[in-house]
C-alpha cells in the first residue's frame, strides 16, 4: 500500500525519509484487520513551534478521517500519528463512543501580552457548505476528523451550530441563536443556553486572545451566519465561515 500514500513535507527531507514515512503510515492503515477499505492516504509533515507536526487524512470504508500529532522530532511524530491512525480506523469502524480528550497538545503559548498574541492574525479562511445533520452526527465527525470544534447546520432550528468537547468524555452544543434541546439524546451532549455573540473578525480575534481561548464560536454581525475562529499548530489563526 506504500505506493498509494502521498506525502507532502517541508524542505530538507531525503527520499529515504519520505519513503519511511510512507511505509509506516501504510503499515498502520493495514494493521486494523481484514475487510476494512482504507484509501486516499495523504501525509503532511510540517515544522511547528518546538517540533514536527505529522498529519494523516484518509477514507475508511468511505468515511473521512484525520489524525495529527506533534512531537519534538520527526521519528516521534511519525510514531504517534501511526498509533493514532491505527486507533482511529478501529474507532470509526466500530460502535461510536466518546474518545478521551484532549486529543493533542496545544500549539503555542497564548498568555496575554505574549509575542504569540501580539502577532495573532487570521492566515487561513475556509468557507465550506455546512452539512445538515444531528448534533450526534456532528460529534462523530468531529472525533473522526480530530477537530477541537465542528461547525454544522442544525436541522432542529435551521441555524448554524457547533459541537465541541467539554471535559474528558462530554460534548456541548451551541447555536447562533438561543434554543431548547432537540428531543432525546443518546450521547453525552449538553446545551449552551446562549446564542453566539455577534462579532466582527477583528473583535473575535481580540476576544480569543484576551480570554486565552483555543477557539471561538461567533456569528457574523450582519448576516448572523456562524463562524469558528481557531488556533493553528503554528500559533496563528484560521477562520471557518459557512456559506449558502
Protein backbone atom coordinates (compact mmCIF):
# COMPACT_ATOMS: atom_id res chain seq x y z
CA UNK A 1 0.00 0.00 0.00
CA UNK A 2 3.02 2.29 0.41
CA UNK A 3 2.91 3.46 -3.18
CA UNK A 4 -0.69 4.64 -2.63
CA UNK A 5 0.31 7.03 0.19
CA UNK A 6 1.13 10.59 -0.85
CA UNK A 7 3.46 12.67 1.32
CA UNK A 8 3.76 16.47 1.44
CA UNK A 9 6.68 17.59 3.58
CA UNK A 10 8.88 20.53 4.49
CA UNK A 11 12.14 21.07 2.61
CA UNK A 12 15.28 19.17 3.50
CA UNK A 13 13.91 15.65 3.91
CA UNK A 14 15.60 12.94 1.88
CA UNK A 15 13.84 10.45 -0.34
CA UNK A 16 14.65 7.70 2.16
CA UNK A 17 12.92 9.59 4.97
CA UNK A 18 9.85 10.20 2.83
CA UNK A 19 9.76 6.53 1.84
CA UNK A 20 9.93 5.54 5.50
CA UNK A 21 7.08 7.89 6.38
CA UNK A 22 5.02 6.44 3.53
CA UNK A 23 5.74 2.85 4.61
CA UNK A 24 4.96 3.47 8.30
CA UNK A 25 1.62 5.11 7.57
CA UNK A 26 0.71 2.36 5.11
CA UNK A 27 1.54 -0.29 7.72
CA UNK A 28 -0.61 1.43 10.34
CA UNK A 29 -3.52 1.63 7.89
CA UNK A 30 -3.25 -2.06 7.01
CA UNK A 31 -2.98 -3.30 10.59
CA UNK A 32 -6.53 -2.95 11.99
CA UNK A 33 -7.93 -6.02 10.20
CA UNK A 34 -9.07 -7.70 7.02
CA UNK A 35 -12.01 -6.27 5.08
CA UNK A 36 -11.55 -2.59 6.03
CA UNK A 37 -11.04 -0.45 2.94
CA UNK A 38 -8.58 2.36 3.68
CA UNK A 39 -7.74 4.62 0.76
CA UNK A 40 -6.77 8.17 -0.13
CA UNK A 41 -3.96 8.24 2.44
CA UNK A 42 -2.29 11.66 2.49
CA UNK A 43 0.51 12.55 4.88
CA UNK A 44 1.58 16.09 5.71
CA UNK A 45 4.80 16.82 7.61
CA UNK A 46 5.37 20.37 8.81
CA UNK A 47 7.59 22.19 11.24
CA UNK A 48 5.84 23.85 14.18
CA UNK A 49 6.98 25.63 17.31
CA UNK A 50 9.11 23.14 19.20
CA UNK A 51 9.00 20.25 16.76
CA UNK A 52 7.31 18.48 13.86
CA UNK A 53 3.62 18.04 13.08
CA UNK A 54 2.53 14.86 11.29
CA UNK A 55 -0.99 14.80 9.86
CA UNK A 56 -2.74 11.96 8.01
CA UNK A 57 -6.01 12.19 6.07
CA UNK A 58 -7.74 9.08 4.72
CA UNK A 59 -11.04 7.45 3.84
CA UNK A 60 -12.11 4.39 5.79
CA UNK A 61 -14.93 2.47 4.14
CA UNK A 62 -15.98 5.78 2.56
CA UNK A 63 -15.78 7.79 5.80
CA UNK A 64 -13.25 10.65 6.02
CA UNK A 65 -10.86 10.66 8.96
CA UNK A 66 -7.92 12.78 10.06
CA UNK A 67 -5.28 12.39 12.76
CA UNK A 68 -2.46 14.73 13.67
CA UNK A 69 0.29 14.59 16.26
CA UNK A 70 3.17 16.88 17.16
CA UNK A 71 6.48 15.87 18.75
CA UNK A 72 9.98 17.22 19.17
CA UNK A 73 11.38 15.04 16.38
CA UNK A 74 10.19 13.56 13.10
CA UNK A 75 10.52 9.96 14.30
CA UNK A 76 8.43 10.56 17.41
CA UNK A 77 5.74 12.42 15.45
CA UNK A 78 5.51 9.52 12.96
CA UNK A 79 5.28 7.03 15.84
CA UNK A 80 2.45 8.98 17.41
CA UNK A 81 0.50 9.62 14.22
CA UNK A 82 0.81 5.95 13.18
CA UNK A 83 -0.57 4.80 16.53
CA UNK A 84 -3.33 7.42 16.32
CA UNK A 85 -4.24 6.32 12.78
CA UNK A 86 -4.48 2.69 13.83
CA UNK A 87 -6.74 3.61 16.76
CA UNK A 88 -8.91 5.98 14.68
CA UNK A 89 -9.56 3.35 11.99
CA UNK A 90 -10.69 0.88 14.65
CA UNK A 91 -12.87 3.54 16.27
CA UNK A 92 -14.74 4.65 13.15
CA UNK A 93 -15.43 1.09 12.02
CA UNK A 94 -16.88 0.06 15.39
CA UNK A 95 -19.68 1.31 17.63
CA UNK A 96 -19.19 5.01 18.33
CA UNK A 97 -18.20 6.08 21.84
CA UNK A 98 -16.78 9.36 23.17
CA UNK A 99 -12.99 9.32 22.93
CA UNK A 100 -10.55 10.62 25.54
CA UNK A 101 -9.70 14.32 25.44
CA UNK A 102 -7.57 16.33 24.90
CA UNK A 103 -6.58 14.63 21.70
CA UNK A 104 -3.32 16.55 21.11
CA UNK A 105 -1.18 19.23 22.78
CA UNK A 106 -1.76 22.93 22.36
CA UNK A 107 0.08 24.56 19.52
CA UNK A 108 1.68 27.62 21.04
CA UNK A 109 1.75 29.80 24.17
CA UNK A 110 -1.31 32.01 24.41
CA UNK A 111 -0.83 34.16 27.51
CA UNK A 112 -1.99 37.80 27.31
CA UNK A 113 0.76 40.09 26.08
CA UNK A 114 2.88 37.22 24.79
CA UNK A 115 4.64 37.50 21.45
CA UNK A 116 2.21 34.93 20.01
CA UNK A 117 -0.82 37.05 20.94
CA UNK A 118 0.71 40.30 19.69
CA UNK A 119 1.13 38.70 16.28
CA UNK A 120 -2.19 36.84 16.19
CA UNK A 121 -3.79 37.10 12.78
CA UNK A 122 -6.02 35.03 10.55
CA UNK A 123 -3.89 33.35 7.89
CA UNK A 124 -6.41 30.86 6.51
CA UNK A 125 -10.09 31.26 5.63
CA UNK A 126 -12.35 28.29 4.91
CA UNK A 127 -15.89 28.66 3.55
CA UNK A 128 -17.40 25.16 3.43
CA UNK A 129 -21.01 24.31 2.62
CA UNK A 130 -22.22 23.21 6.03
CA UNK A 131 -23.68 19.73 6.39
CA UNK A 132 -27.22 19.43 7.77
CA UNK A 133 -27.04 16.77 10.48
CA UNK A 134 -27.89 15.96 14.08
CA UNK A 135 -25.57 17.09 16.89
CA UNK A 136 -24.69 13.41 17.46
CA UNK A 137 -23.57 13.02 13.83
CA UNK A 138 -21.60 16.27 14.10
CA UNK A 139 -19.86 14.99 17.25
CA UNK A 140 -18.89 11.78 15.49
CA UNK A 141 -17.48 13.74 12.56
CA UNK A 142 -15.54 15.94 14.97
CA UNK A 143 -13.95 12.88 16.56
CA UNK A 144 -13.19 11.19 13.24
CA UNK A 145 -11.51 14.33 11.88
CA UNK A 146 -9.62 15.16 15.10
CA UNK A 147 -11.20 18.61 15.37
CA UNK A 148 -11.50 20.63 18.58
CA UNK A 149 -14.81 22.08 17.38
CA UNK A 150 -17.10 21.32 14.43
CA UNK A 151 -19.40 23.77 12.62
CA UNK A 152 -22.59 22.34 11.05
CA UNK A 153 -26.18 23.23 10.14
CA UNK A 154 -28.72 22.27 12.79
CA UNK A 155 -31.98 20.95 11.26
CA UNK A 156 -33.87 21.37 14.55
CA UNK A 157 -33.57 25.17 14.42
CA UNK A 158 -32.44 25.91 10.85
CA UNK A 159 -29.39 27.76 12.19
CA UNK A 160 -25.63 27.25 12.25
CA UNK A 161 -24.32 25.40 15.29
CA UNK A 162 -21.20 23.81 16.74
CA UNK A 163 -20.29 20.88 18.91
CA UNK A 164 -17.13 20.88 21.00
CA UNK A 165 -15.62 18.89 23.83
CA UNK A 166 -16.43 19.51 27.49
CA UNK A 167 -14.36 17.54 29.99
CA UNK A 168 -12.79 14.18 29.11
CA UNK A 169 -15.85 12.50 27.55
CA UNK A 170 -18.60 15.10 27.17
CA UNK A 171 -19.79 17.30 24.32
CA UNK A 172 -21.51 20.68 24.20
CA UNK A 173 -23.88 22.06 21.58
CA UNK A 174 -24.03 25.80 20.87
CA UNK A 175 -26.14 27.59 18.27
CA UNK A 176 -26.14 31.07 16.75
CA UNK A 177 -29.49 31.73 18.49
CA UNK A 178 -30.78 30.50 21.89
CA UNK A 179 -32.92 27.38 21.54
CA UNK A 180 -34.12 24.46 23.60
CA UNK A 181 -32.83 20.89 23.25
CA UNK A 182 -33.86 18.97 20.13
CA UNK A 183 -35.54 15.90 21.60
CA UNK A 184 -33.93 12.93 23.34
CA UNK A 185 -30.21 12.42 23.11
CA UNK A 186 -28.34 9.13 23.08
CA UNK A 187 -24.93 10.73 23.63
CA UNK A 188 -23.46 12.96 26.37
CA UNK A 189 -24.25 16.31 24.74
CA UNK A 190 -25.17 19.30 26.88
CA UNK A 191 -26.72 22.51 25.53
CA UNK A 192 -25.42 26.05 25.82
CA UNK A 193 -28.34 28.32 26.76
CA UNK A 194 -26.80 31.30 24.96
CA UNK A 195 -26.66 32.28 21.34
CA UNK A 196 -23.31 33.01 19.70
CA UNK A 197 -22.06 36.60 20.17
CA UNK A 198 -22.20 38.79 17.06
CA UNK A 199 -18.67 40.00 16.37
CA UNK A 200 -16.53 41.28 13.56
CA UNK A 201 -13.45 39.26 12.69
CA UNK A 202 -11.21 41.77 14.48
CA UNK A 203 -13.40 41.69 17.60
CA UNK A 204 -13.33 37.88 17.58
CA UNK A 205 -9.53 37.86 17.40
CA UNK A 206 -9.33 40.28 20.34
CA UNK A 207 -11.74 38.19 22.42
CA UNK A 208 -9.94 34.91 21.69
CA UNK A 209 -6.57 36.45 22.60
CA UNK A 210 -7.81 38.25 25.70
CA UNK A 211 -9.54 35.17 27.14
CA UNK A 212 -6.75 32.75 26.10
CA UNK A 213 -9.25 30.59 24.20
CA UNK A 214 -8.27 27.71 21.87
CA UNK A 215 -11.24 28.58 19.62
CA UNK A 216 -14.25 30.88 19.49
CA UNK A 217 -17.73 30.37 18.03
CA UNK A 218 -19.40 33.61 16.97
CA UNK A 219 -21.89 34.98 14.46
CA UNK A 220 -21.40 37.48 11.66
CA UNK A 221 -22.74 40.86 12.89
CA UNK A 222 -24.82 41.45 9.76
CA UNK A 223 -25.94 38.11 8.35
CA UNK A 224 -25.83 36.08 11.57
CA UNK A 225 -24.06 33.10 9.98
CA UNK A 226 -21.94 31.03 12.33
CA UNK A 227 -18.16 31.27 12.31
CA UNK A 228 -15.34 29.49 14.13
CA UNK A 229 -12.02 31.14 14.90
CA UNK A 230 -9.35 28.64 15.93
CA UNK A 231 -5.68 28.42 16.75
CA UNK A 232 -3.49 26.54 14.30
CA UNK A 233 -0.47 24.46 15.25
CA UNK A 234 1.80 27.27 14.06
CA UNK A 235 0.24 29.63 16.61
CA UNK A 236 -1.61 31.73 14.05
CA UNK A 237 -5.37 31.64 13.39
CA UNK A 238 -7.80 30.03 10.99
CA UNK A 239 -11.41 31.07 10.33
CA UNK A 240 -14.24 28.80 9.21
CA UNK A 241 -17.33 30.56 7.85
CA UNK A 242 -20.30 28.66 6.46
CA UNK A 243 -21.98 29.86 3.27
CA UNK A 244 -25.16 29.05 1.37
